[in-house]
Amino acid sequence: MSDQFIPTAQMEGHLVPSVTFRIREGDEWVSRTSEDLFKGKNVVVFSLPGAFTPTCSSTHLPRYNELASTFGDNGVDEIICMSVNDTFVMNAWKQNQEADNLTVIPDGNGEFTEGMKMLVSKKDLGFGKRSWRYSMLVKDGVVEKMFVEPNKPGDPFEVSDADTMLEYINPSAVKPSSVAIITKPGCPYCSKAKALLELKGIAYEEIVLGKDATSVSVKAISGNTTVPQIFVDGENIGGSDDLETFLQEK
């Protein structure tokens, strides 16, 4: 962290920087401007030090992707992940993270980040200049609120998370449950369980035996050897019949 850099929310109440971003879409280069991204829209932006880095990949980006529909229900038109990376890296990271609910914007030259007063030297890590971690709510191009990580060594992650931003937008917002289902190919009970979840409009993450885990993992996690095994907010619901009962009681 640079000795001169002091992270603050000084851009609140100001227009976002006017920048043209060069983005690779398929085999074509396209240009998108700040006006394209923000004019006439309510946009949440979260900016981070780098794609494929630990905190960004394990927590920061996945939670925004998970809560995207809830943000949408509360008036947010788009969620943008910004980083001082090139477009190829950002596109590959989005694909790797299966972050289909987010827009990734490469601030390759750091122009937008510098305009936000968030450009910081990370030479000690061999990163050069990168973005300090922060999030913001932008309405029609004007920054309404910023959550800027505190001025601490390393890479603090305390306030720019998705839950803090959602709490600001609507403290009463109902967050979706985190649902995971362990399945195996050709299992009719697994298909039944997934159909039940989809009928209720419940998003879930599927863990496929032989691809993502083994039967040993199923027993270690759930104490059972049969599939499917469904987990809701960390609680093991059981199999497909148990899920049906659980959904009827909700």
Protein backbone atom coordinates (compact mmCIF):
# COMPACT_ATOMS: atom_id res chain seq x y z
CA MET A 1 0.00 0.00 0.00
CA SER A 2 1.33 3.39 -0.96
CA ASP A 3 2.27 5.70 1.91
CA GLN A 4 0.40 8.53 0.22
CA PHE A 5 -2.79 6.58 -0.50
CA ILE A 6 -5.69 7.20 1.87
CA PRO A 7 -8.91 5.41 0.91
CA THR A 8 -11.96 7.66 1.36
CA ALA A 9 -15.50 7.99 0.01
CA GLN A 10 -14.77 11.45 -1.37
CA MET A 11 -16.54 10.73 -4.68
CA GLU A 12 -19.96 10.49 -3.05
CA GLY A 13 -22.26 13.05 -4.65
CA HIS A 14 -20.08 13.31 -7.77
CA LEU A 15 -20.37 11.93 -11.28
CA VAL A 16 -18.38 8.81 -12.02
CA PRO A 17 -15.28 9.33 -14.21
CA SER A 18 -15.88 9.55 -17.95
CA VAL A 19 -13.96 6.63 -19.42
CA THR A 20 -14.13 4.45 -22.53
CA PHE A 21 -13.56 0.77 -21.82
CA ARG A 22 -12.23 -1.61 -24.48
CA ILE A 23 -13.97 -4.95 -24.12
CA ARG A 24 -13.67 -8.21 -25.99
CA GLU A 25 -17.05 -9.77 -26.83
CA GLY A 26 -16.59 -13.04 -28.69
CA ASP A 27 -14.14 -12.31 -31.51
CA GLU A 28 -14.90 -8.59 -31.63
CA TRP A 29 -13.58 -5.52 -29.87
CA VAL A 30 -16.28 -3.17 -28.58
CA SER A 31 -16.17 0.11 -26.71
CA ARG A 32 -18.42 0.93 -23.78
CA THR A 33 -18.40 4.30 -22.10
CA SER A 34 -19.26 5.37 -18.59
CA GLU A 35 -22.42 6.87 -20.05
CA ASP A 36 -23.37 3.48 -21.53
CA LEU A 37 -22.92 1.82 -18.17
CA PHE A 38 -24.55 4.33 -15.85
CA LYS A 39 -26.90 6.77 -17.59
CA GLY A 40 -30.51 6.41 -16.49
CA LYS A 41 -29.80 3.33 -14.38
CA ASN A 42 -29.26 2.26 -10.78
CA VAL A 43 -25.98 0.37 -10.76
CA VAL A 44 -24.02 -1.36 -8.03
CA VAL A 45 -20.26 -1.49 -8.63
CA PHE A 46 -17.77 -3.50 -6.65
CA SER A 47 -14.11 -3.07 -7.43
CA LEU A 48 -11.29 -5.32 -6.35
CA PRO A 49 -7.53 -5.81 -6.66
CA GLY A 50 -7.54 -8.56 -9.25
CA ALA A 51 -9.34 -11.38 -11.01
CA PHE A 52 -8.51 -14.91 -9.83
CA THR A 53 -7.16 -13.62 -6.50
CA PRO A 54 -8.24 -15.48 -3.33
CA THR A 55 -10.75 -13.20 -1.56
CA CYS A 56 -12.15 -11.92 -4.84
CA SER A 57 -12.81 -15.45 -6.10
CA SER A 58 -13.92 -17.13 -2.89
CA THR A 59 -16.21 -14.48 -1.45
CA HIS A 60 -16.47 -11.04 -3.02
CA LEU A 61 -17.66 -11.90 -6.55
CA PRO A 62 -19.64 -15.09 -5.73
CA ARG A 63 -21.87 -13.39 -3.16
CA TYR A 64 -22.78 -10.52 -5.50
CA ASN A 65 -23.59 -13.10 -8.17
CA GLU A 66 -25.70 -15.08 -5.69
CA LEU A 67 -27.68 -12.02 -4.56
CA ALA A 68 -28.13 -10.51 -8.02
CA SER A 69 -31.84 -11.32 -8.28
CA THR A 70 -32.44 -9.83 -4.82
CA PHE A 71 -30.65 -6.65 -5.85
CA GLY A 72 -32.85 -6.61 -8.96
CA ASP A 73 -35.98 -6.94 -6.82
CA ASN A 74 -34.80 -3.87 -4.91
CA GLY A 75 -34.31 -1.53 -7.84
CA VAL A 76 -30.79 -2.31 -9.05
CA ASP A 77 -30.57 -2.55 -12.83
CA GLU A 78 -27.05 -3.95 -13.11
CA ILE A 79 -24.15 -5.16 -10.98
CA ILE A 80 -20.68 -4.37 -12.29
CA CYS A 81 -17.43 -5.95 -11.18
CA MET A 82 -14.54 -3.61 -11.94
CA SER A 83 -10.85 -4.43 -11.81
CA VAL A 84 -7.57 -3.14 -13.21
CA ASN A 85 -7.19 -6.19 -15.44
CA ASP A 86 -7.41 -6.70 -19.20
CA THR A 87 -10.62 -7.88 -20.85
CA PHE A 88 -9.32 -11.39 -21.59
CA VAL A 89 -8.55 -12.00 -17.91
CA MET A 90 -11.90 -10.57 -16.79
CA ASN A 91 -13.85 -12.65 -19.31
CA ALA A 92 -11.99 -15.83 -18.35
CA TRP A 93 -12.60 -15.15 -14.65
CA LYS A 94 -16.31 -14.58 -15.20
CA GLN A 95 -16.55 -17.86 -17.09
CA ASN A 96 -14.53 -19.70 -14.45
CA GLN A 97 -16.76 -18.31 -11.69
CA GLU A 98 -19.99 -18.94 -13.66
CA ALA A 99 -20.93 -15.37 -12.77
CA ASP A 100 -23.66 -14.98 -15.36
CA ASN A 101 -25.57 -12.45 -13.24
CA LEU A 102 -22.75 -9.89 -13.28
CA THR A 103 -21.16 -7.55 -15.80
CA VAL A 104 -17.36 -7.55 -15.68
CA ILE A 105 -15.62 -4.39 -16.81
CA PRO A 106 -11.85 -4.28 -17.43
CA ASP A 107 -10.29 -1.01 -16.32
CA GLY A 108 -7.04 -2.11 -17.93
CA ASN A 109 -5.37 1.30 -17.87
CA GLY A 110 -6.70 2.16 -14.41
CA GLU A 111 -8.33 5.35 -15.71
CA PHE A 112 -11.71 4.82 -14.05
CA THR A 113 -10.09 3.65 -10.82
CA GLU A 114 -7.76 6.64 -10.76
CA GLY A 115 -10.71 8.96 -11.35
CA MET A 116 -12.45 7.36 -8.37
CA LYS A 117 -9.34 8.12 -6.24
CA MET A 118 -8.98 4.38 -5.66
CA LEU A 119 -5.79 3.57 -7.60
CA VAL A 120 -3.16 2.13 -5.26
CA SER A 121 0.34 0.76 -5.71
CA LYS A 122 0.71 -2.94 -5.01
CA LYS A 123 4.30 -3.22 -6.18
CA ASP A 124 5.16 -5.27 -3.12
CA LEU A 125 3.02 -8.06 -4.62
CA GLY A 126 4.27 -7.55 -8.17
CA PHE A 127 0.84 -6.22 -9.20
CA GLY A 128 1.83 -2.67 -10.14
CA LYS A 129 -1.12 -0.30 -9.71
CA ARG A 130 -4.49 -1.81 -8.85
CA SER A 131 -7.83 -0.85 -7.39
CA TRP A 132 -8.38 -0.53 -3.68
CA ARG A 133 -11.33 -2.71 -2.70
CA TYR A 134 -14.62 -0.80 -2.52
CA SER A 135 -18.26 -0.87 -3.59
CA MET A 136 -20.67 1.87 -4.56
CA LEU A 137 -24.25 2.59 -5.55
CA VAL A 138 -24.48 4.79 -8.64
CA LYS A 139 -27.74 6.43 -9.69
CA ASP A 140 -27.85 7.98 -13.16
CA GLY A 141 -24.09 8.39 -13.14
CA VAL A 142 -23.88 9.99 -9.68
CA VAL A 143 -22.25 8.16 -6.78
CA GLU A 144 -24.81 7.98 -3.98
CA LYS A 145 -22.95 5.75 -1.54
CA MET A 146 -19.50 4.21 -1.25
CA PHE A 147 -18.26 1.46 1.03
CA VAL A 148 -14.48 1.76 1.09
CA GLU A 149 -12.28 -0.76 2.85
CA PRO A 150 -10.33 0.65 5.82
CA ASN A 151 -6.77 1.86 5.54
CA LYS A 152 -5.06 -1.29 6.75
CA PRO A 153 -2.10 -3.30 5.44
CA GLY A 154 -2.83 -6.12 3.04
CA ASP A 155 -6.24 -6.56 1.48
CA PRO A 156 -8.97 -5.80 4.04
CA PHE A 157 -12.46 -7.07 3.22
CA GLU A 158 -14.91 -5.71 5.78
CA VAL A 159 -17.48 -3.38 4.20
CA SER A 160 -17.55 -3.73 0.40
CA ASP A 161 -19.38 -7.07 0.45
CA ALA A 162 -22.76 -7.72 -1.15
CA ASP A 163 -24.66 -8.08 2.12
CA THR A 164 -23.53 -4.66 3.37
CA MET A 165 -24.60 -3.03 0.12
CA LEU A 166 -27.98 -4.79 0.14
CA GLU A 167 -28.51 -3.75 3.75
CA TYR A 168 -27.95 -0.14 2.71
CA ILE A 169 -30.36 -0.34 -0.22
CA ASN A 170 -33.09 -2.14 1.73
CA PRO A 171 -32.54 -3.35 5.31
CA SER A 172 -35.71 -5.46 4.98
CA ALA A 173 -34.67 -7.25 1.79
CA VAL A 174 -35.33 -10.98 1.88
CA LYS A 175 -32.22 -12.91 0.88
CA PRO A 176 -32.50 -16.25 -0.91
CA SER A 177 -31.47 -19.42 0.89
CA SER A 178 -28.18 -21.03 -0.09
CA VAL A 179 -29.07 -24.42 -1.56
CA ALA A 180 -26.75 -27.21 -2.69
CA ILE A 181 -27.66 -30.66 -3.96
CA ILE A 182 -25.37 -33.66 -4.31
CA THR A 183 -26.39 -35.84 -7.27
CA LYS A 184 -25.08 -38.54 -9.58
CA PRO A 185 -25.74 -39.09 -13.30
CA GLY A 186 -28.81 -41.17 -14.14
CA CYS A 187 -30.38 -40.85 -10.67
CA PRO A 188 -34.19 -40.41 -10.99
CA TYR A 189 -34.52 -39.17 -7.40
CA CYS A 190 -31.92 -36.51 -8.14
CA SER A 191 -33.93 -35.40 -11.17
CA LYS A 192 -37.06 -35.25 -9.00
CA ALA A 193 -35.32 -33.11 -6.38
CA LYS A 194 -33.97 -30.67 -8.97
CA ALA A 195 -37.42 -30.43 -10.58
CA LEU A 196 -38.95 -29.59 -7.19
CA LEU A 197 -36.43 -26.81 -6.63
CA GLU A 198 -36.89 -25.42 -10.11
CA LEU A 199 -40.70 -25.51 -9.75
CA LYS A 200 -40.35 -23.32 -6.67
CA GLY A 201 -37.90 -21.01 -8.46
CA ILE A 202 -35.14 -21.87 -6.00
CA ALA A 203 -31.59 -21.46 -7.30
CA TYR A 204 -29.20 -24.22 -6.32
CA GLU A 205 -25.65 -25.41 -6.82
CA GLU A 206 -25.29 -28.99 -8.04
CA ILE A 207 -22.39 -31.19 -6.92
CA VAL A 208 -22.14 -34.19 -9.24
CA LEU A 209 -20.55 -37.39 -7.97
CA GLY A 210 -17.70 -38.51 -10.18
CA LYS A 211 -17.13 -34.94 -11.30
CA ASP A 212 -17.10 -32.72 -8.23
CA ALA A 213 -16.99 -35.28 -5.41
CA THR A 214 -17.12 -38.96 -4.49
CA SER A 215 -19.38 -41.11 -2.31
CA VAL A 216 -16.79 -40.69 0.44
CA SER A 217 -17.48 -36.96 0.36
CA VAL A 218 -21.24 -37.55 0.60
CA LYS A 219 -20.84 -39.68 3.72
CA ALA A 220 -18.33 -37.29 5.28
CA ILE A 221 -20.60 -34.29 4.72
CA SER A 222 -24.05 -35.73 5.34
CA GLY A 223 -23.52 -39.02 7.16
CA ASN A 224 -25.42 -40.75 4.34
CA THR A 225 -24.30 -42.64 1.26
CA THR A 226 -27.42 -42.18 -0.88
CA VAL A 227 -28.18 -39.36 -3.28
CA PRO A 228 -29.55 -36.85 -3.64
CA GLN A 229 -28.54 -35.03 -0.50
CA ILE A 230 -29.94 -31.50 -0.25
CA PHE A 231 -28.53 -28.75 1.95
CA VAL A 232 -30.33 -25.48 2.74
CA ASP A 233 -28.38 -22.77 4.55
CA GLY A 234 -25.99 -25.40 5.89
CA GLU A 235 -28.71 -27.79 7.08
CA ASN A 236 -28.95 -31.27 5.58
CA ILE A 237 -32.58 -31.64 4.49
CA GLY A 238 -32.11 -35.22 3.22
CA GLY A 239 -33.29 -36.79 -0.03
CA SER A 240 -35.97 -35.94 -2.56
CA ASP A 241 -38.91 -37.03 -0.37
CA ASP A 242 -37.51 -35.04 2.55
CA LEU A 243 -37.15 -32.02 0.27
CA GLU A 244 -40.77 -32.35 -0.85
CA THR A 245 -41.91 -32.33 2.78
CA PHE A 246 -39.61 -29.41 3.60
CA LEU A 247 -41.01 -27.32 0.73
CA GLN A 248 -44.61 -28.11 1.70
CA GLU A 249 -43.98 -26.91 5.23
CA LYS A 250 -42.45 -23.60 4.13
